[in-house]
């Protein structure tokens, strides 16, 4: 009888330990990932950037930071609603993740802004990276309960350590390049009208 009680208590403790471990893993995931898209969040991105910088500083090489912003997202939310806007963000997140390599980090850092950390790339790959990311816009997103939504993104890229060795400055350079791309896209669209 004593052995049966010990066995039962051991089984309950093992189950409680398993549930505790599962809860811990869920909390870790929630602390490091965007709730809507499941991508890395700013906290996890910053950790991976620190790690990438340490590897480059120790062994040489480069990494790229790409800032991606969804163009015309506000009108999607305003005219079609936030539920459709969320579906657009999730679809773009999946497309960005599909273009990335397994070693890359894709993060959502704000409303419609994403950042990619691309390691082990030659510094002259900036235009190839941009072109690859732009392919995420095609085809339009088919909505079963609404119109197809065409995507347009602006992309800015900065290379570590070529452009700067400061991670905040690297983000600023990539962000500024993204805004220059957005301005050029708007000017081109106005020129076509």
N, C-alpha and C. Protein backbone atom coordinates (compact mmCIF):
# COMPACT_ATOMS: atom_id res chain seq x y z
N UNK A 1 0.82 -1.19 0.00
CA UNK A 1 0.00 0.00 0.00
C UNK A 1 0.87 1.26 0.00
N UNK A 2 1.92 1.26 0.77
CA UNK A 2 2.83 2.39 0.83
C UNK A 2 3.50 2.61 -0.53
N UNK A 3 3.87 1.50 -1.18
CA UNK A 3 4.49 1.61 -2.50
C UNK A 3 3.52 2.20 -3.51
N UNK A 4 2.25 1.83 -3.43
CA UNK A 4 1.24 2.36 -4.34
C UNK A 4 1.07 3.87 -4.13
N UNK A 5 1.08 4.32 -2.87
CA UNK A 5 0.96 5.76 -2.57
C UNK A 5 2.17 6.52 -3.11
N UNK A 6 3.35 5.96 -2.89
CA UNK A 6 4.58 6.61 -3.38
C UNK A 6 4.56 6.70 -4.90
N UNK A 7 4.14 5.62 -5.55
CA UNK A 7 4.07 5.61 -7.01
C UNK A 7 3.07 6.65 -7.52
N UNK A 8 1.91 6.73 -6.85
CA UNK A 8 0.89 7.71 -7.26
C UNK A 8 1.39 9.14 -7.05
N UNK A 9 2.00 9.37 -5.91
CA UNK A 9 2.53 10.71 -5.62
C UNK A 9 3.66 11.07 -6.61
N UNK A 10 4.50 10.13 -6.93
CA UNK A 10 5.57 10.34 -7.92
C UNK A 10 4.97 10.68 -9.28
N UNK A 11 3.93 9.97 -9.68
CA UNK A 11 3.26 10.23 -10.95
C UNK A 11 2.68 11.64 -10.97
N UNK A 12 2.04 12.06 -9.87
CA UNK A 12 1.46 13.41 -9.78
C UNK A 12 2.55 14.48 -9.83
N UNK A 13 3.66 14.25 -9.14
CA UNK A 13 4.77 15.20 -9.16
C UNK A 13 5.37 15.31 -10.56
N UNK A 14 5.51 14.19 -11.25
CA UNK A 14 6.03 14.21 -12.61
C UNK A 14 5.09 14.98 -13.54
N UNK A 15 3.79 14.77 -13.39
CA UNK A 15 2.80 15.48 -14.20
C UNK A 15 2.83 16.98 -13.88
N UNK A 16 2.91 17.33 -12.60
CA UNK A 16 2.99 18.75 -12.21
C UNK A 16 4.26 19.38 -12.77
N UNK A 17 5.36 18.66 -12.73
CA UNK A 17 6.63 19.15 -13.26
C UNK A 17 6.54 19.36 -14.78
N UNK A 18 5.89 18.40 -15.47
CA UNK A 18 5.70 18.52 -16.92
C UNK A 18 4.87 19.76 -17.26
N UNK A 19 3.78 19.98 -16.52
CA UNK A 19 2.93 21.14 -16.76
C UNK A 19 3.66 22.45 -16.45
N UNK A 20 4.47 22.44 -15.41
CA UNK A 20 5.27 23.61 -15.06
C UNK A 20 6.28 23.93 -16.16
N UNK A 21 6.93 22.91 -16.67
CA UNK A 21 7.89 23.08 -17.76
C UNK A 21 7.19 23.62 -19.01
N UNK A 22 6.02 23.08 -19.30
CA UNK A 22 5.24 23.53 -20.45
C UNK A 22 4.84 25.01 -20.29
N UNK A 23 4.42 25.39 -19.11
CA UNK A 23 4.07 26.79 -18.84
C UNK A 23 5.28 27.70 -18.99
N UNK A 24 6.42 27.24 -18.50
CA UNK A 24 7.66 28.01 -18.62
C UNK A 24 8.02 28.23 -20.09
N UNK A 25 7.91 27.19 -20.90
CA UNK A 25 8.22 27.30 -22.33
C UNK A 25 7.26 28.26 -23.02
N UNK A 26 5.98 28.20 -22.66
CA UNK A 26 4.99 29.13 -23.23
C UNK A 26 5.32 30.57 -22.87
N UNK A 27 5.68 30.81 -21.61
CA UNK A 27 6.03 32.17 -21.18
C UNK A 27 7.27 32.66 -21.91
N UNK A 28 8.27 31.79 -22.08
CA UNK A 28 9.48 32.16 -22.82
C UNK A 28 9.13 32.54 -24.25
N UNK A 29 8.27 31.74 -24.89
CA UNK A 29 7.86 32.03 -26.26
C UNK A 29 7.12 33.36 -26.33
N UNK A 30 6.20 33.59 -25.43
CA UNK A 30 5.43 34.83 -25.42
C UNK A 30 6.31 36.04 -25.17
N UNK A 31 7.35 35.88 -24.37
CA UNK A 31 8.24 37.00 -24.06
C UNK A 31 9.12 37.36 -25.25
N UNK A 32 9.31 36.44 -26.18
CA UNK A 32 10.24 36.65 -27.28
C UNK A 32 9.60 36.68 -28.67
N UNK A 33 8.29 36.54 -28.74
CA UNK A 33 7.63 36.48 -30.04
C UNK A 33 6.40 37.38 -30.09
N UNK A 34 6.15 37.88 -31.29
CA UNK A 34 4.98 38.72 -31.55
C UNK A 34 3.73 37.85 -31.46
N UNK A 35 2.73 38.32 -30.75
CA UNK A 35 1.52 37.54 -30.52
C UNK A 35 0.76 37.29 -31.83
N UNK A 36 0.66 38.29 -32.69
CA UNK A 36 -0.14 38.16 -33.91
C UNK A 36 0.53 37.26 -34.94
N UNK A 37 1.79 37.49 -35.22
CA UNK A 37 2.46 36.81 -36.34
C UNK A 37 3.29 35.60 -35.92
N UNK A 38 3.66 35.51 -34.66
CA UNK A 38 4.52 34.44 -34.21
C UNK A 38 5.99 34.68 -34.52
N UNK A 39 6.30 35.81 -35.17
CA UNK A 39 7.70 36.13 -35.47
C UNK A 39 8.42 36.58 -34.21
N UNK A 40 9.74 36.66 -34.30
CA UNK A 40 10.52 37.22 -33.20
C UNK A 40 10.03 38.63 -32.92
N UNK A 41 10.12 39.06 -31.66
CA UNK A 41 9.79 40.44 -31.33
C UNK A 41 11.08 41.24 -31.20
N UNK A 42 10.96 42.50 -30.82
CA UNK A 42 12.14 43.38 -30.70
C UNK A 42 13.16 42.84 -29.69
N UNK A 43 12.68 42.28 -28.60
CA UNK A 43 13.57 41.75 -27.56
C UNK A 43 14.44 40.62 -28.11
N UNK A 44 13.82 39.66 -28.78
CA UNK A 44 14.58 38.54 -29.34
C UNK A 44 15.48 39.01 -30.48
N UNK A 45 14.99 39.94 -31.30
CA UNK A 45 15.82 40.48 -32.38
C UNK A 45 17.08 41.13 -31.80
N UNK A 46 16.93 41.94 -30.77
CA UNK A 46 18.10 42.59 -30.16
C UNK A 46 19.10 41.57 -29.63
N UNK A 47 18.60 40.51 -29.03
CA UNK A 47 19.49 39.45 -28.53
C UNK A 47 20.25 38.81 -29.69
N UNK A 48 19.55 38.50 -30.78
CA UNK A 48 20.19 37.87 -31.94
C UNK A 48 21.17 38.82 -32.63
N UNK A 49 20.86 40.12 -32.62
CA UNK A 49 21.79 41.10 -33.19
C UNK A 49 23.09 41.15 -32.38
N UNK A 50 22.97 41.12 -31.06
CA UNK A 50 24.16 41.10 -30.20
C UNK A 50 25.01 39.87 -30.49
N UNK A 51 24.34 38.73 -30.64
CA UNK A 51 25.05 37.48 -30.93
C UNK A 51 25.74 37.54 -32.29
N UNK A 52 25.03 38.08 -33.30
CA UNK A 52 25.61 38.19 -34.65
C UNK A 52 26.81 39.12 -34.64
N UNK A 53 26.68 40.24 -33.93
CA UNK A 53 27.81 41.18 -33.85
C UNK A 53 29.01 40.51 -33.20
N UNK A 54 28.79 39.75 -32.14
CA UNK A 54 29.89 39.07 -31.46
C UNK A 54 30.58 38.09 -32.40
N UNK A 55 29.79 37.35 -33.20
CA UNK A 55 30.39 36.40 -34.15
C UNK A 55 31.22 37.12 -35.20
N UNK A 56 30.68 38.22 -35.76
CA UNK A 56 31.40 38.96 -36.79
C UNK A 56 32.66 39.60 -36.19
N UNK A 57 32.55 40.16 -35.01
CA UNK A 57 33.71 40.79 -34.38
C UNK A 57 34.80 39.76 -34.08
N UNK A 58 34.40 38.56 -33.75
CA UNK A 58 35.36 37.51 -33.39
C UNK A 58 35.95 36.82 -34.63
N UNK A 59 35.10 36.54 -35.64
CA UNK A 59 35.54 35.72 -36.77
C UNK A 59 35.58 36.46 -38.10
N UNK A 60 35.13 37.71 -38.12
CA UNK A 60 35.06 38.45 -39.39
C UNK A 60 33.76 38.17 -40.11
N UNK A 61 33.59 38.83 -41.22
CA UNK A 61 32.37 38.66 -42.01
C UNK A 61 31.46 39.86 -41.92
N UNK A 62 30.20 39.64 -42.30
CA UNK A 62 29.21 40.71 -42.38
C UNK A 62 27.84 40.15 -42.02
N UNK A 63 26.95 41.03 -41.69
CA UNK A 63 25.53 40.67 -41.68
C UNK A 63 24.74 41.89 -42.11
N UNK A 64 23.55 41.62 -42.62
CA UNK A 64 22.68 42.68 -43.11
C UNK A 64 21.47 42.81 -42.19
N UNK A 65 21.04 44.05 -42.03
CA UNK A 65 19.78 44.32 -41.36
C UNK A 65 18.87 44.96 -42.41
N UNK A 66 17.72 44.35 -42.63
CA UNK A 66 16.76 44.88 -43.58
C UNK A 66 15.51 45.31 -42.82
N UNK A 67 15.10 46.56 -43.04
CA UNK A 67 13.87 47.08 -42.45
C UNK A 67 12.82 47.09 -43.57
N UNK A 68 11.68 46.47 -43.29
CA UNK A 68 10.60 46.35 -44.28
C UNK A 68 9.35 46.99 -43.69
N UNK A 69 8.74 47.87 -44.48
CA UNK A 69 7.52 48.54 -44.04
C UNK A 69 6.44 48.33 -45.10
N UNK A 70 5.25 47.98 -44.66
CA UNK A 70 4.13 47.76 -45.57
C UNK A 70 3.56 49.11 -46.00
N UNK A 71 3.55 49.37 -47.28
CA UNK A 71 3.02 50.63 -47.80
C UNK A 71 1.49 50.59 -47.84
N UNK A 72 0.87 51.70 -47.49
CA UNK A 72 -0.58 51.81 -47.58
C UNK A 72 -1.34 50.92 -46.63
N UNK A 73 -0.78 50.65 -45.48
CA UNK A 73 -1.45 49.76 -44.54
C UNK A 73 -2.61 50.46 -43.82
N UNK A 74 -2.46 51.72 -43.50
CA UNK A 74 -3.51 52.44 -42.79
C UNK A 74 -4.85 52.41 -43.54
N UNK A 75 -4.87 52.65 -44.85
CA UNK A 75 -6.14 52.56 -45.57
C UNK A 75 -6.77 51.15 -45.52
N UNK A 76 -5.94 50.12 -45.47
CA UNK A 76 -6.49 48.76 -45.36
C UNK A 76 -7.25 48.63 -44.05
N UNK A 77 -6.63 49.05 -42.95
CA UNK A 77 -7.30 49.01 -41.65
C UNK A 77 -8.54 49.89 -41.63
N UNK A 78 -8.41 51.11 -42.19
CA UNK A 78 -9.52 52.07 -42.13
C UNK A 78 -10.71 51.66 -42.97
N UNK A 79 -10.46 51.07 -44.15
CA UNK A 79 -11.57 50.75 -45.05
C UNK A 79 -12.06 49.31 -44.92
N UNK A 80 -11.17 48.39 -44.64
CA UNK A 80 -11.56 46.98 -44.59
C UNK A 80 -11.66 46.43 -43.17
N UNK A 81 -11.11 47.17 -42.21
CA UNK A 81 -11.20 46.75 -40.81
C UNK A 81 -9.92 46.12 -40.31
N UNK A 82 -9.80 46.11 -38.99
CA UNK A 82 -8.58 45.61 -38.35
C UNK A 82 -8.42 44.09 -38.50
N UNK A 83 -9.51 43.35 -38.60
CA UNK A 83 -9.39 41.90 -38.77
C UNK A 83 -8.71 41.58 -40.11
N UNK A 84 -9.10 42.30 -41.16
CA UNK A 84 -8.46 42.12 -42.48
C UNK A 84 -7.02 42.61 -42.40
N UNK A 85 -6.80 43.74 -41.73
CA UNK A 85 -5.44 44.24 -41.56
C UNK A 85 -4.55 43.23 -40.87
N UNK A 86 -5.07 42.57 -39.85
CA UNK A 86 -4.30 41.54 -39.15
C UNK A 86 -3.98 40.38 -40.08
N UNK A 87 -4.94 40.00 -40.91
CA UNK A 87 -4.69 38.90 -41.86
C UNK A 87 -3.61 39.28 -42.86
N UNK A 88 -3.59 40.55 -43.28
CA UNK A 88 -2.55 41.03 -44.20
C UNK A 88 -1.18 40.96 -43.51
N UNK A 89 -1.11 41.39 -42.26
CA UNK A 89 0.16 41.34 -41.53
C UNK A 89 0.65 39.90 -41.36
N UNK A 90 -0.25 39.00 -41.04
CA UNK A 90 0.12 37.59 -40.87
C UNK A 90 0.62 37.02 -42.19
N UNK A 91 -0.07 37.33 -43.29
CA UNK A 91 0.35 36.83 -44.60
C UNK A 91 1.72 37.39 -44.99
N UNK A 92 1.93 38.68 -44.78
CA UNK A 92 3.24 39.26 -45.10
C UNK A 92 4.32 38.62 -44.22
N UNK A 93 4.03 38.40 -42.96
CA UNK A 93 4.99 37.76 -42.06
C UNK A 93 5.36 36.37 -42.58
N UNK A 94 4.37 35.61 -43.02
CA UNK A 94 4.64 34.27 -43.55
C UNK A 94 5.47 34.34 -44.82
N UNK A 95 5.19 35.31 -45.67
CA UNK A 95 5.94 35.45 -46.92
C UNK A 95 7.38 35.87 -46.64
N UNK A 96 7.57 36.77 -45.70
CA UNK A 96 8.94 37.17 -45.34
C UNK A 96 9.70 35.99 -44.76
N UNK A 97 9.04 35.23 -43.90
CA UNK A 97 9.67 34.05 -43.30
C UNK A 97 10.03 33.04 -44.37
N UNK A 98 9.18 32.90 -45.40
CA UNK A 98 9.44 31.94 -46.47
C UNK A 98 10.65 32.35 -47.32
N UNK A 99 10.93 33.66 -47.42
CA UNK A 99 12.08 34.10 -48.21
C UNK A 99 13.38 33.99 -47.42
N UNK A 100 13.26 33.93 -46.11
CA UNK A 100 14.45 33.90 -45.25
C UNK A 100 15.02 32.49 -45.18
N UNK A 101 16.30 32.44 -44.89
CA UNK A 101 16.94 31.15 -44.64
C UNK A 101 16.66 30.74 -43.20
N UNK A 102 16.89 29.50 -42.89
CA UNK A 102 16.61 29.00 -41.54
C UNK A 102 17.44 29.73 -40.49
N UNK A 103 18.62 30.21 -40.86
CA UNK A 103 19.50 30.90 -39.91
C UNK A 103 19.17 32.38 -39.74
N UNK A 104 18.33 32.92 -40.62
CA UNK A 104 17.96 34.33 -40.54
C UNK A 104 16.92 34.55 -39.45
N UNK A 105 16.81 35.78 -39.00
CA UNK A 105 15.79 36.15 -38.02
C UNK A 105 14.84 37.14 -38.69
N UNK A 106 13.55 36.83 -38.62
CA UNK A 106 12.52 37.74 -39.12
C UNK A 106 11.73 38.19 -37.90
N UNK A 107 11.63 39.50 -37.71
CA UNK A 107 10.96 40.04 -36.52
C UNK A 107 9.93 41.08 -36.92
N UNK A 108 8.87 41.13 -36.15
CA UNK A 108 7.92 42.24 -36.28
C UNK A 108 8.22 43.17 -35.11
N UNK A 109 8.59 44.42 -35.44
CA UNK A 109 9.02 45.35 -34.40
C UNK A 109 8.02 46.46 -34.15
N UNK A 110 6.97 46.52 -34.91
CA UNK A 110 5.95 47.54 -34.73
C UNK A 110 4.79 47.23 -35.65
N UNK A 111 3.79 48.07 -35.65
CA UNK A 111 2.57 47.86 -36.42
C UNK A 111 2.75 47.11 -37.72
N UNK A 112 3.28 47.79 -38.73
CA UNK A 112 3.48 47.16 -40.04
C UNK A 112 4.96 47.20 -40.43
N UNK A 113 5.83 47.18 -39.43
CA UNK A 113 7.28 47.23 -39.67
C UNK A 113 7.93 45.92 -39.23
N UNK A 114 8.76 45.40 -40.12
CA UNK A 114 9.46 44.14 -39.89
C UNK A 114 10.95 44.39 -40.06
N UNK A 115 11.76 43.58 -39.37
CA UNK A 115 13.22 43.66 -39.51
C UNK A 115 13.74 42.25 -39.73
N UNK A 116 14.66 42.13 -40.67
CA UNK A 116 15.32 40.86 -40.92
C UNK A 116 16.80 40.98 -40.61
N UNK A 117 17.32 39.99 -39.92
CA UNK A 117 18.75 39.87 -39.65
C UNK A 117 19.25 38.74 -40.54
N UNK A 118 20.12 39.09 -41.48
CA UNK A 118 20.60 38.14 -42.49
C UNK A 118 22.11 37.99 -42.32
N UNK A 119 22.52 36.84 -41.81
CA UNK A 119 23.94 36.62 -41.54
C UNK A 119 24.63 35.94 -42.71
N UNK A 120 25.96 36.02 -42.71
CA UNK A 120 26.81 35.33 -43.67
C UNK A 120 26.48 35.70 -45.12
N UNK A 121 26.28 36.98 -45.35
CA UNK A 121 26.05 37.46 -46.71
C UNK A 121 27.17 38.41 -47.10
N UNK A 122 27.60 38.36 -48.35
CA UNK A 122 28.59 39.34 -48.79
C UNK A 122 27.97 40.74 -48.77
N UNK A 123 28.76 41.77 -48.49
CA UNK A 123 28.19 43.11 -48.39
C UNK A 123 27.65 43.65 -49.71
N UNK A 124 28.04 43.07 -50.84
CA UNK A 124 27.55 43.55 -52.12
C UNK A 124 26.22 42.91 -52.52
N UNK A 125 25.58 42.21 -51.61
CA UNK A 125 24.30 41.55 -51.89
C UNK A 125 23.10 42.44 -51.58
N UNK A 126 23.32 43.69 -51.27
CA UNK A 126 22.24 44.59 -50.86
C UNK A 126 21.07 44.59 -51.85
N UNK A 127 21.35 44.75 -53.14
CA UNK A 127 20.28 44.82 -54.14
C UNK A 127 19.61 43.46 -54.32
N UNK A 128 20.36 42.38 -54.23
CA UNK A 128 19.77 41.04 -54.34
C UNK A 128 18.82 40.78 -53.17
N UNK A 129 19.22 41.22 -51.98
CA UNK A 129 18.35 41.07 -50.80
C UNK A 129 17.06 41.86 -51.01
N UNK A 130 17.21 43.10 -51.44
CA UNK A 130 16.04 43.96 -51.67
C UNK A 130 15.09 43.32 -52.68
N UNK A 131 15.65 42.84 -53.79
CA UNK A 131 14.83 42.22 -54.84
C UNK A 131 14.09 41.00 -54.29
N UNK A 132 14.79 40.18 -53.53
CA UNK A 132 14.17 38.98 -52.96
C UNK A 132 13.03 39.34 -52.02
N UNK A 133 13.23 40.36 -51.21
CA UNK A 133 12.16 40.78 -50.28
C UNK A 133 10.96 41.34 -51.04
N UNK A 134 11.20 42.05 -52.13
CA UNK A 134 10.10 42.62 -52.90
C UNK A 134 9.22 41.54 -53.52
N UNK A 135 9.77 40.35 -53.71
CA UNK A 135 8.94 39.26 -54.27
C UNK A 135 7.83 38.84 -53.31
N UNK A 136 7.94 39.23 -52.05
CA UNK A 136 6.90 38.91 -51.07
C UNK A 136 5.57 39.58 -51.41
N UNK A 137 5.61 40.58 -52.26
CA UNK A 137 4.39 41.32 -52.59
C UNK A 137 3.50 40.58 -53.58
N UNK A 138 4.01 39.53 -54.19
CA UNK A 138 3.26 38.85 -55.24
C UNK A 138 3.02 37.40 -54.86
N UNK A 139 1.88 36.87 -55.16
CA UNK A 139 0.70 37.49 -55.74
C UNK A 139 -0.09 38.27 -54.69
N UNK A 140 -1.14 38.98 -55.14
CA UNK A 140 -2.00 39.66 -54.16
C UNK A 140 -2.59 38.64 -53.17
N UNK A 141 -2.97 39.12 -52.02
CA UNK A 141 -3.57 38.25 -51.00
C UNK A 141 -5.05 38.09 -51.33
N UNK A 142 -5.46 36.87 -51.56
CA UNK A 142 -6.86 36.56 -51.85
C UNK A 142 -7.63 36.46 -50.54
N UNK A 143 -8.69 37.25 -50.44
CA UNK A 143 -9.55 37.21 -49.25
C UNK A 143 -10.85 36.51 -49.63
N UNK A 144 -11.21 35.47 -48.87
CA UNK A 144 -12.44 34.75 -49.21
C UNK A 144 -13.68 35.61 -49.02
N UNK A 145 -13.61 36.59 -48.16
CA UNK A 145 -14.78 37.43 -47.87
C UNK A 145 -14.56 38.89 -48.25
N UNK A 146 -13.73 39.12 -49.28
CA UNK A 146 -13.47 40.49 -49.69
C UNK A 146 -12.57 40.54 -50.90
N UNK A 147 -12.14 41.73 -51.26
CA UNK A 147 -11.31 41.87 -52.46
C UNK A 147 -9.89 41.35 -52.24
N UNK A 148 -9.23 41.01 -53.35
CA UNK A 148 -7.81 40.65 -53.28
C UNK A 148 -7.04 41.91 -52.90
N UNK A 149 -6.03 41.77 -52.07
CA UNK A 149 -5.28 42.92 -51.59
C UNK A 149 -3.86 42.84 -52.14
N UNK A 150 -3.50 43.85 -52.94
CA UNK A 150 -2.15 43.93 -53.47
C UNK A 150 -1.24 44.51 -52.40
N UNK A 151 -0.05 43.94 -52.31
CA UNK A 151 0.92 44.41 -51.32
C UNK A 151 1.99 45.25 -51.98
N UNK A 152 2.47 46.21 -51.23
CA UNK A 152 3.62 47.02 -51.63
C UNK A 152 4.44 47.26 -50.36
N UNK A 153 5.75 47.04 -50.48
CA UNK A 153 6.61 47.26 -49.33
C UNK A 153 7.75 48.19 -49.70
N UNK A 154 8.29 48.84 -48.69
CA UNK A 154 9.52 49.62 -48.82
C UNK A 154 10.59 48.91 -48.02
N UNK A 155 11.80 48.89 -48.56
CA UNK A 155 12.90 48.13 -47.96
C UNK A 155 14.12 49.02 -47.81
N UNK A 156 14.74 48.96 -46.64
CA UNK A 156 16.01 49.63 -46.40
C UNK A 156 16.99 48.64 -45.80
N UNK A 157 18.24 48.69 -46.25
CA UNK A 157 19.23 47.70 -45.82
C UNK A 157 20.50 48.41 -45.36
N UNK A 158 21.06 47.93 -44.27
CA UNK A 158 22.36 48.40 -43.79
C UNK A 158 23.21 47.17 -43.48
N UNK A 159 24.51 47.31 -43.69
CA UNK A 159 25.44 46.20 -43.53
C UNK A 159 26.39 46.47 -42.37
N UNK A 160 26.53 45.46 -41.49
CA UNK A 160 27.49 45.52 -40.38
C UNK A 160 28.72 44.73 -40.78
N UNK A 161 29.91 45.20 -40.59
CA UNK A 161 30.36 46.46 -40.01
C UNK A 161 30.62 47.56 -41.04
N UNK A 162 30.37 47.29 -42.33
CA UNK A 162 30.71 48.25 -43.39
C UNK A 162 30.07 49.62 -43.18
N UNK A 163 28.76 49.64 -42.88
CA UNK A 163 28.05 50.91 -42.75
C UNK A 163 28.28 51.55 -41.38
N UNK A 164 28.33 50.73 -40.35
CA UNK A 164 28.59 51.19 -38.99
C UNK A 164 28.81 49.97 -38.09
N UNK A 165 29.47 50.21 -36.97
CA UNK A 165 29.67 49.14 -35.99
C UNK A 165 28.77 49.31 -34.77
N UNK A 166 27.90 50.29 -34.82
CA UNK A 166 26.96 50.54 -33.73
C UNK A 166 25.59 50.00 -34.15
N UNK A 167 24.99 49.12 -33.34
CA UNK A 167 23.74 48.48 -33.72
C UNK A 167 22.57 49.46 -33.82
N UNK A 168 22.51 50.44 -32.92
CA UNK A 168 21.44 51.44 -33.02
C UNK A 168 21.58 52.25 -34.29
N UNK A 169 22.82 52.64 -34.60
CA UNK A 169 23.07 53.39 -35.83
C UNK A 169 22.76 52.53 -37.06
N UNK A 170 23.03 51.23 -36.97
CA UNK A 170 22.73 50.32 -38.07
C UNK A 170 21.23 50.31 -38.35
N UNK A 171 20.43 50.21 -37.27
CA UNK A 171 18.98 50.25 -37.45
C UNK A 171 18.55 51.59 -38.05
N UNK A 172 19.12 52.68 -37.56
CA UNK A 172 18.77 54.01 -38.07
C UNK A 172 19.09 54.12 -39.56
N UNK A 173 20.26 53.61 -39.97
CA UNK A 173 20.63 53.65 -41.39
C UNK A 173 19.66 52.83 -42.24
N UNK A 174 19.32 51.63 -41.78
CA UNK A 174 18.38 50.79 -42.52
C UNK A 174 17.00 51.43 -42.56
N UNK A 175 16.58 52.01 -41.45
CA UNK A 175 15.28 52.68 -41.37
C UNK A 175 15.24 53.90 -42.30
N UNK A 176 16.31 54.68 -42.30
CA UNK A 176 16.37 55.85 -43.20
C UNK A 176 16.34 55.41 -44.66
N UNK A 177 17.05 54.32 -44.98
CA UNK A 177 17.04 53.80 -46.35
C UNK A 177 15.64 53.33 -46.73
N UNK A 178 14.92 52.73 -45.78
CA UNK A 178 13.54 52.30 -46.04
C UNK A 178 12.67 53.51 -46.34
N UNK A 179 12.81 54.60 -45.57
CA UNK A 179 12.01 55.80 -45.82
C UNK A 179 12.38 56.45 -47.15
N UNK A 180 13.64 56.39 -47.55
CA UNK A 180 14.03 56.89 -48.87
C UNK A 180 13.36 56.07 -49.96
N UNK A 181 13.31 54.75 -49.77
CA UNK A 181 12.64 53.87 -50.73
C UNK A 181 11.15 54.19 -50.79
N UNK A 182 10.53 54.44 -49.64
CA UNK A 182 9.11 54.78 -49.59
C UNK A 182 8.85 56.09 -50.33
N UNK A 183 9.71 57.08 -50.11
CA UNK A 183 9.56 58.38 -50.79
C UNK A 183 9.72 58.21 -52.30
N UNK A 184 10.71 57.42 -52.72
CA UNK A 184 10.92 57.18 -54.16
C UNK A 184 9.72 56.46 -54.76
N UNK A 185 9.14 55.50 -54.04
CA UNK A 185 7.97 54.78 -54.54
C UNK A 185 6.78 55.70 -54.71
N UNK A 186 6.58 56.60 -53.74
CA UNK A 186 5.48 57.57 -53.84
C UNK A 186 5.68 58.51 -55.02
N UNK A 187 6.92 58.98 -55.17
CA UNK A 187 7.21 59.89 -56.28
C UNK A 187 6.99 59.18 -57.62
N UNK A 188 7.40 57.92 -57.72
CA UNK A 188 7.19 57.15 -58.96
C UNK A 188 5.71 56.96 -59.22
N UNK A 189 4.94 56.68 -58.16
CA UNK A 189 3.48 56.49 -58.33
C UNK A 189 2.81 57.78 -58.77
N UNK A 190 3.25 58.91 -58.23
CA UNK A 190 2.69 60.20 -58.63
C UNK A 190 3.06 60.53 -60.08
N UNK A 191 4.24 60.14 -60.48
CA UNK A 191 4.70 60.39 -61.85
C UNK A 191 3.93 59.60 -62.87
N UNK A 192 3.38 58.46 -62.47
CA UNK A 192 2.61 57.61 -63.39
C UNK A 192 1.19 58.11 -63.56
N UNK A 193 0.70 58.91 -62.60
CA UNK A 193 -0.69 59.36 -62.64
C UNK A 193 -0.87 60.45 -63.66
